[in-house]
Amino acid sequence: MRSRTALLTTFRRTGQPVTSPVSLAVREGRAYFVTAADSGKAKRLAHTDRVELAPSTTAGKPLGGTVAGRA
């Protein structure tokens, strides 16, 4: 697996997007990331699996387009 950085967008119950850079491991067309069970990302993903990913620098500067997906 190769590690990469991407902007992960998750969504609040109100539909408001929350974006943060995450380190990803990509394998066989799937992206994997790790976060604490009590993190904001995990809480948002508990109520909706809707996400968006975009390649980025480790500082969170976007490097390309966004792709919609499910977590």
PDB file of N, CA and C in Angstrom:
ATOM      1  N   MET A   1       0.838  -1.186   0.000  1.00  0.00           N
ATOM      2  CA  MET A   1       0.000   0.000   0.000  1.00  0.00           C
ATOM      3  C   MET A   1       0.875   1.239   0.000  1.00  0.00           C
ATOM      4  N   ARG A   2       0.397   2.257  -0.664  1.00  0.00           N
ATOM      5  CA  ARG A   2       1.118   3.527  -0.722  1.00  0.00           C
ATOM      6  C   ARG A   2       0.325   4.564   0.058  1.00  0.00           C
ATOM      7  N   SER A   3       1.011   5.314   0.894  1.00  0.00           N
ATOM      8  CA  SER A   3       0.342   6.336   1.701  1.00  0.00           C
ATOM      9  C   SER A   3       0.223   7.625   0.913  1.00  0.00           C
ATOM     10  N   ARG A   4      -0.941   8.275   1.056  1.00  0.00           N
ATOM     11  CA  ARG A   4      -1.205   9.541   0.373  1.00  0.00           C
ATOM     12  C   ARG A   4      -1.976  10.444   1.317  1.00  0.00           C
ATOM     13  N   THR A   5      -2.028  11.722   0.978  1.00  0.00           N
ATOM     14  CA  THR A   5      -2.810  12.672   1.768  1.00  0.00           C
ATOM     15  C   THR A   5      -3.973  13.164   0.921  1.00  0.00           C
ATOM     16  N   ALA A   6      -5.129  13.286   1.565  1.00  0.00           N
ATOM     17  CA  ALA A   6      -6.317  13.772   0.866  1.00  0.00           C
ATOM     18  C   ALA A   6      -7.140  14.614   1.816  1.00  0.00           C
ATOM     19  N   LEU A   7      -7.969  15.448   1.231  1.00  0.00           N
ATOM     20  CA  LEU A   7      -8.956  16.178   2.018  1.00  0.00           C
ATOM     21  C   LEU A   7     -10.192  15.293   2.114  1.00  0.00           C
ATOM     22  N   LEU A   8     -10.551  14.950   3.319  1.00  0.00           N
ATOM     23  CA  LEU A   8     -11.743  14.152   3.568  1.00  0.00           C
ATOM     24  C   LEU A   8     -12.842  15.099   4.013  1.00  0.00           C
ATOM     25  N   THR A   9     -13.957  15.060   3.310  1.00  0.00           N
ATOM     26  CA  THR A   9     -15.111  15.863   3.695  1.00  0.00           C
ATOM     27  C   THR A   9     -16.181  14.927   4.227  1.00  0.00           C
ATOM     28  N   THR A  10     -16.598  15.166   5.464  1.00  0.00           N
ATOM     29  CA  THR A  10     -17.719  14.462   6.071  1.00  0.00           C
ATOM     30  C   THR A  10     -18.816  15.490   6.287  1.00  0.00           C
ATOM     31  N   PHE A  11     -20.000  15.037   6.658  1.00  0.00           N
ATOM     32  CA  PHE A  11     -21.139  15.937   6.714  1.00  0.00           C
ATOM     33  C   PHE A  11     -21.857  15.862   8.060  1.00  0.00           C
ATOM     34  N   ARG A  12     -22.133  17.046   8.610  1.00  0.00           N
ATOM     35  CA  ARG A  12     -22.899  17.135   9.852  1.00  0.00           C
ATOM     36  C   ARG A  12     -24.350  16.759   9.589  1.00  0.00           C
ATOM     37  N   ARG A  13     -25.117  16.562  10.641  1.00  0.00           N
ATOM     38  CA  ARG A  13     -26.538  16.228  10.507  1.00  0.00           C
ATOM     39  C   ARG A  13     -27.294  17.300   9.719  1.00  0.00           C
ATOM     40  N   THR A  14     -26.821  18.532   9.802  1.00  0.00           N
ATOM     41  CA  THR A  14     -27.454  19.645   9.077  1.00  0.00           C
ATOM     42  C   THR A  14     -27.108  19.631   7.591  1.00  0.00           C
ATOM     43  N   GLY A  15     -26.155  18.783   7.204  1.00  0.00           N
ATOM     44  CA  GLY A  15     -25.686  18.742   5.826  1.00  0.00           C
ATOM     45  C   GLY A  15     -24.462  19.596   5.584  1.00  0.00           C
ATOM     46  N   GLN A  16     -24.034  20.357   6.606  1.00  0.00           N
ATOM     47  CA  GLN A  16     -22.863  21.226   6.478  1.00  0.00           C
ATOM     48  C   GLN A  16     -21.602  20.375   6.339  1.00  0.00           C
ATOM     49  N   PRO A  17     -20.776  20.635   5.319  1.00  0.00           N
ATOM     50  CA  PRO A  17     -19.544  19.869   5.136  1.00  0.00           C
ATOM     51  C   PRO A  17     -18.456  20.287   6.119  1.00  0.00           C
ATOM     52  N   VAL A  18     -17.649  19.309   6.521  1.00  0.00           N
ATOM     53  CA  VAL A  18     -16.477  19.550   7.369  1.00  0.00           C
ATOM     54  C   VAL A  18     -15.314  18.842   6.683  1.00  0.00           C
ATOM     55  N   THR A  19     -14.289  19.610   6.327  1.00  0.00           N
ATOM     56  CA  THR A  19     -13.160  19.065   5.577  1.00  0.00           C
ATOM     57  C   THR A  19     -11.897  19.081   6.421  1.00  0.00           C
ATOM     58  N   SER A  20     -11.142  17.981   6.352  1.00  0.00           N
ATOM     59  CA  SER A  20      -9.863  17.914   7.055  1.00  0.00           C
ATOM     60  C   SER A  20      -8.917  16.997   6.296  1.00  0.00           C
ATOM     61  N   PRO A  21      -7.607  17.313   6.316  1.00  0.00           N
ATOM     62  CA  PRO A  21      -6.639  16.437   5.641  1.00  0.00           C
ATOM     63  C   PRO A  21      -6.442  15.153   6.448  1.00  0.00           C
ATOM     64  N   VAL A  22      -6.338  14.033   5.736  1.00  0.00           N
ATOM     65  CA  VAL A  22      -6.079  12.741   6.370  1.00  0.00           C
ATOM     66  C   VAL A  22      -5.034  12.002   5.541  1.00  0.00           C
ATOM     67  N   SER A  23      -4.289  11.141   6.197  1.00  0.00           N
ATOM     68  CA  SER A  23      -3.376  10.243   5.495  1.00  0.00           C
ATOM     69  C   SER A  23      -4.165   9.020   5.076  1.00  0.00           C
ATOM     70  N   LEU A  24      -4.013   8.645   3.829  1.00  0.00           N
ATOM     71  CA  LEU A  24      -4.733   7.497   3.283  1.00  0.00           C
ATOM     72  C   LEU A  24      -3.764   6.413   2.862  1.00  0.00           C
ATOM     73  N   ALA A  25      -4.208   5.193   2.964  1.00  0.00           N
ATOM     74  CA  ALA A  25      -3.546   4.070   2.327  1.00  0.00           C
ATOM     75  C   ALA A  25      -4.507   3.611   1.245  1.00  0.00           C
ATOM     76  N   VAL A  26      -4.007   3.436   0.033  1.00  0.00           N
ATOM     77  CA  VAL A  26      -4.854   3.059  -1.092  1.00  0.00           C
ATOM     78  C   VAL A  26      -4.451   1.668  -1.551  1.00  0.00           C
ATOM     79  N   ARG A  27      -5.462   0.798  -1.669  1.00  0.00           N
ATOM     80  CA  ARG A  27      -5.208  -0.569  -2.113  1.00  0.00           C
ATOM     81  C   ARG A  27      -6.421  -1.078  -2.880  1.00  0.00           C
ATOM     82  N   GLU A  28      -6.166  -1.619  -4.062  1.00  0.00           N
ATOM     83  CA  GLU A  28      -7.206  -2.218  -4.898  1.00  0.00           C
ATOM     84  C   GLU A  28      -8.415  -1.298  -5.072  1.00  0.00           C
ATOM     85  N   GLY A  29      -8.142  -0.012  -5.317  1.00  0.00           N
ATOM     86  CA  GLY A  29      -9.215   0.933  -5.589  1.00  0.00           C
ATOM     87  C   GLY A  29      -9.959   1.434  -4.370  1.00  0.00           C
ATOM     88  N   ARG A  30      -9.513   1.085  -3.186  1.00  0.00           N
ATOM     89  CA  ARG A  30     -10.157   1.544  -1.952  1.00  0.00           C
ATOM     90  C   ARG A  30      -9.170   2.379  -1.143  1.00  0.00           C
ATOM     91  N   ALA A  31      -9.705   3.404  -0.491  1.00  0.00           N
ATOM     92  CA  ALA A  31      -8.882   4.278   0.353  1.00  0.00           C
ATOM     93  C   ALA A  31      -9.209   3.987   1.817  1.00  0.00           C
ATOM     94  N   TYR A  32      -8.181   3.882   2.639  1.00  0.00           N
ATOM     95  CA  TYR A  32      -8.335   3.589   4.058  1.00  0.00           C
ATOM     96  C   TYR A  32      -7.704   4.700   4.886  1.00  0.00           C
ATOM     97  N   PHE A  33      -8.359   5.069   5.981  1.00  0.00           N
ATOM     98  CA  PHE A  33      -7.775   6.012   6.917  1.00  0.00           C
ATOM     99  C   PHE A  33      -8.143   5.577   8.329  1.00  0.00           C
ATOM    100  N   VAL A  34      -7.404   6.078   9.299  1.00  0.00           N
ATOM    101  CA  VAL A  34      -7.636   5.750  10.699  1.00  0.00           C
ATOM    102  C   VAL A  34      -7.959   7.032  11.446  1.00  0.00           C
ATOM    103  N   THR A  35      -8.936   6.959  12.336  1.00  0.00           N
ATOM    104  CA  THR A  35      -9.276   8.092  13.194  1.00  0.00           C
ATOM    105  C   THR A  35      -9.754   7.551  14.537  1.00  0.00           C
ATOM    106  N   ALA A  36      -9.654   8.344  15.565  1.00  0.00           N
ATOM    107  CA  ALA A  36     -10.101   7.919  16.893  1.00  0.00           C
ATOM    108  C   ALA A  36     -11.618   7.727  16.906  1.00  0.00           C
ATOM    109  N   ALA A  37     -12.076   6.766  17.679  1.00  0.00           N
ATOM    110  CA  ALA A  37     -13.513   6.455  17.742  1.00  0.00           C
ATOM    111  C   ALA A  37     -14.342   7.632  18.235  1.00  0.00           C
ATOM    112  N   ASP A  38     -13.745   8.510  19.042  1.00  0.00           N
ATOM    113  CA  ASP A  38     -14.500   9.645  19.575  1.00  0.00           C
ATOM    114  C   ASP A  38     -14.213  10.956  18.825  1.00  0.00           C
ATOM    115  N   SER A  39     -13.597  10.847  17.641  1.00  0.00           N
ATOM    116  CA  SER A  39     -13.293  12.047  16.855  1.00  0.00           C
ATOM    117  C   SER A  39     -14.549  12.578  16.173  1.00  0.00           C
ATOM    118  N   GLY A  40     -14.486  13.816  15.758  1.00  0.00           N
ATOM    119  CA  GLY A  40     -15.595  14.418  15.028  1.00  0.00           C
ATOM    120  C   GLY A  40     -15.906  13.660  13.749  1.00  0.00           C
ATOM    121  N   LYS A  41     -14.855  13.221  13.035  1.00  0.00           N
ATOM    122  CA  LYS A  41     -15.061  12.462  11.800  1.00  0.00           C
ATOM    123  C   LYS A  41     -15.860  11.190  12.076  1.00  0.00           C
ATOM    124  N   ALA A  42     -15.455  10.470  13.106  1.00  0.00           N
ATOM    125  CA  ALA A  42     -16.146   9.216  13.441  1.00  0.00           C
ATOM    126  C   ALA A  42     -17.598   9.472  13.824  1.00  0.00           C
ATOM    127  N   LYS A  43     -17.844  10.533  14.569  1.00  0.00           N
ATOM    128  CA  LYS A  43     -19.220  10.865  14.963  1.00  0.00           C
ATOM    129  C   LYS A  43     -20.067  11.220  13.751  1.00  0.00           C
ATOM    130  N   ARG A  44     -19.485  11.983  12.821  1.00  0.00           N
ATOM    131  CA  ARG A  44     -20.239  12.343  11.618  1.00  0.00           C
ATOM    132  C   ARG A  44     -20.485  11.121  10.737  1.00  0.00           C
ATOM    133  N   LEU A  45     -19.504  10.236  10.642  1.00  0.00           N
ATOM    134  CA  LEU A  45     -19.662   9.032   9.831  1.00  0.00           C
ATOM    135  C   LEU A  45     -20.662   8.053  10.443  1.00  0.00           C
ATOM    136  N   ALA A  46     -20.886   8.156  11.740  1.00  0.00           N
ATOM    137  CA  ALA A  46     -21.850   7.272  12.407  1.00  0.00           C
ATOM    138  C   ALA A  46     -23.276   7.555  11.942  1.00  0.00           C
ATOM    139  N   HIS A  47     -23.543   8.772  11.505  1.00  0.00           N
ATOM    140  CA  HIS A  47     -24.906   9.082  11.073  1.00  0.00           C
ATOM    141  C   HIS A  47     -25.051   9.175   9.556  1.00  0.00           C
ATOM    142  N   THR A  48     -23.962   9.317   8.816  1.00  0.00           N
ATOM    143  CA  THR A  48     -24.041   9.267   7.355  1.00  0.00           C
ATOM    144  C   THR A  48     -22.712   8.769   6.798  1.00  0.00           C
ATOM    145  N   ASP A  49     -22.785   7.891   5.818  1.00  0.00           N
ATOM    146  CA  ASP A  49     -21.570   7.354   5.216  1.00  0.00           C
ATOM    147  C   ASP A  49     -21.113   8.170   4.003  1.00  0.00           C
ATOM    148  N   ARG A  50     -21.783   9.266   3.745  1.00  0.00           N
ATOM    149  CA  ARG A  50     -21.441  10.134   2.606  1.00  0.00           C
ATOM    150  C   ARG A  50     -20.132  10.857   2.877  1.00  0.00           C
ATOM    151  N   VAL A  51     -19.189  10.768   1.933  1.00  0.00           N
ATOM    152  CA  VAL A  51     -17.901  11.456   2.044  1.00  0.00           C
ATOM    153  C   VAL A  51     -17.490  11.989   0.677  1.00  0.00           C
ATOM    154  N   GLU A  52     -16.539  12.873   0.697  1.00  0.00           N
ATOM    155  CA  GLU A  52     -15.872  13.340  -0.511  1.00  0.00           C
ATOM    156  C   GLU A  52     -14.379  13.328  -0.243  1.00  0.00           C
ATOM    157  N   LEU A  53     -13.581  13.005  -1.255  1.00  0.00           N
ATOM    158  CA  LEU A  53     -12.126  12.995  -1.149  1.00  0.00           C
ATOM    159  C   LEU A  53     -11.535  13.826  -2.267  1.00  0.00           C
ATOM    160  N   ALA A  54     -10.461  14.527  -1.951  1.00  0.00           N
ATOM    161  CA  ALA A  54      -9.714  15.284  -2.955  1.00  0.00           C
ATOM    162  C   ALA A  54      -8.232  15.190  -2.600  1.00  0.00           C
ATOM    163  N   PRO A  55      -7.370  14.975  -3.569  1.00  0.00           N
ATOM    164  CA  PRO A  55      -5.938  14.946  -3.268  1.00  0.00           C
ATOM    165  C   PRO A  55      -5.491  16.288  -2.706  1.00  0.00           C
ATOM    166  N   SER A  56      -4.532  16.221  -1.774  1.00  0.00           N
ATOM    167  CA  SER A  56      -4.061  17.467  -1.154  1.00  0.00           C
ATOM    168  C   SER A  56      -2.640  17.315  -0.639  1.00  0.00           C
ATOM    169  N   THR A  57      -2.086  18.448  -0.247  1.00  0.00           N
ATOM    170  CA  THR A  57      -0.812  18.438   0.469  1.00  0.00           C
ATOM    171  C   THR A  57      -1.103  18.071   1.921  1.00  0.00           C
ATOM    172  N   THR A  58      -0.066  17.798   2.690  1.00  0.00           N
ATOM    173  CA  THR A  58      -0.271  17.472   4.103  1.00  0.00           C
ATOM    174  C   THR A  58      -0.811  18.672   4.873  1.00  0.00           C
ATOM    175  N   ALA A  59      -0.631  19.874   4.339  1.00  0.00           N
ATOM    176  CA  ALA A  59      -1.157  21.083   4.972  1.00  0.00           C
ATOM    177  C   ALA A  59      -2.616  21.341   4.602  1.00  0.00           C
ATOM    178  N   GLY A  60      -3.166  20.516   3.703  1.00  0.00           N
ATOM    179  CA  GLY A  60      -4.567  20.673   3.333  1.00  0.00           C
ATOM    180  C   GLY A  60      -4.828  21.506   2.102  1.00  0.00           C
ATOM    181  N   LYS A  61      -3.803  21.806   1.321  1.00  0.00           N
ATOM    182  CA  LYS A  61      -3.985  22.556   0.070  1.00  0.00           C
ATOM    183  C   LYS A  61      -4.466  21.585  -1.012  1.00  0.00           C
ATOM    184  N   PRO A  62      -5.646  21.840  -1.602  1.00  0.00           N
ATOM    185  CA  PRO A  62      -6.177  20.934  -2.626  1.00  0.00           C
ATOM    186  C   PRO A  62      -5.248  20.846  -3.844  1.00  0.00           C
ATOM    187  N   LEU A  63      -5.129  19.641  -4.396  1.00  0.00           N
ATOM    188  CA  LEU A  63      -4.279  19.416  -5.562  1.00  0.00           C
ATOM    189  C   LEU A  63      -5.078  18.884  -6.762  1.00  0.00           C
ATOM    190  N   GLY A  64      -6.360  18.702  -6.589  1.00  0.00           N
ATOM    191  CA  GLY A  64      -7.162  18.158  -7.674  1.00  0.00           C
ATOM    192  C   GLY A  64      -8.635  18.170  -7.337  1.00  0.00           C
ATOM    193  N   GLY A  65      -9.395  17.540  -8.200  1.00  0.00           N
ATOM    194  CA  GLY A  65     -10.851  17.502  -8.046  1.00  0.00           C
ATOM    195  C   GLY A  65     -11.325  16.586  -6.947  1.00  0.00           C
ATOM    196  N   THR A  66     -12.591  16.731  -6.621  1.00  0.00           N
ATOM    197  CA  THR A  66     -13.237  15.969  -5.547  1.00  0.00           C
ATOM    198  C   THR A  66     -13.980  14.767  -6.128  1.00  0.00           C
ATOM    199  N   VAL A  67     -13.931  13.660  -5.390  1.00  0.00           N
ATOM    200  CA  VAL A  67     -14.650  12.447  -5.755  1.00  0.00           C
ATOM    201  C   VAL A  67     -15.595  12.098  -4.623  1.00  0.00           C
ATOM    202  N   ALA A  68     -16.862  11.862  -4.942  1.00  0.00           N
ATOM    203  CA  ALA A  68     -17.848  11.464  -3.935  1.00  0.00           C
ATOM    204  C   ALA A  68     -17.747   9.970  -3.689  1.00  0.00           C
ATOM    205  N   GLY A  69     -18.058   9.562  -2.445  1.00  0.00           N
ATOM    206  CA  GLY A  69     -18.010   8.146  -2.115  1.00  0.00           C
ATOM    207  C   GLY A  69     -18.782   7.833  -0.846  1.00  0.00           C
ATOM    208  N   ARG A  70     -18.633   6.602  -0.387  1.00  0.00           N
ATOM    209  CA  ARG A  70     -19.272   6.119   0.840  1.00  0.00           C
ATOM    210  C   ARG A  70     -18.199   5.518   1.732  1.00  0.00           C
ATOM    211  N   ALA A  71     -18.320   5.785   3.012  1.00  0.00           N
ATOM    212  CA  ALA A  71     -17.356   5.251   3.988  1.00  0.00           C
ATOM    213  C   ALA A  71     -17.934   4.030   4.664  1.00  0.00           C
TER     214      ALA A  71
END
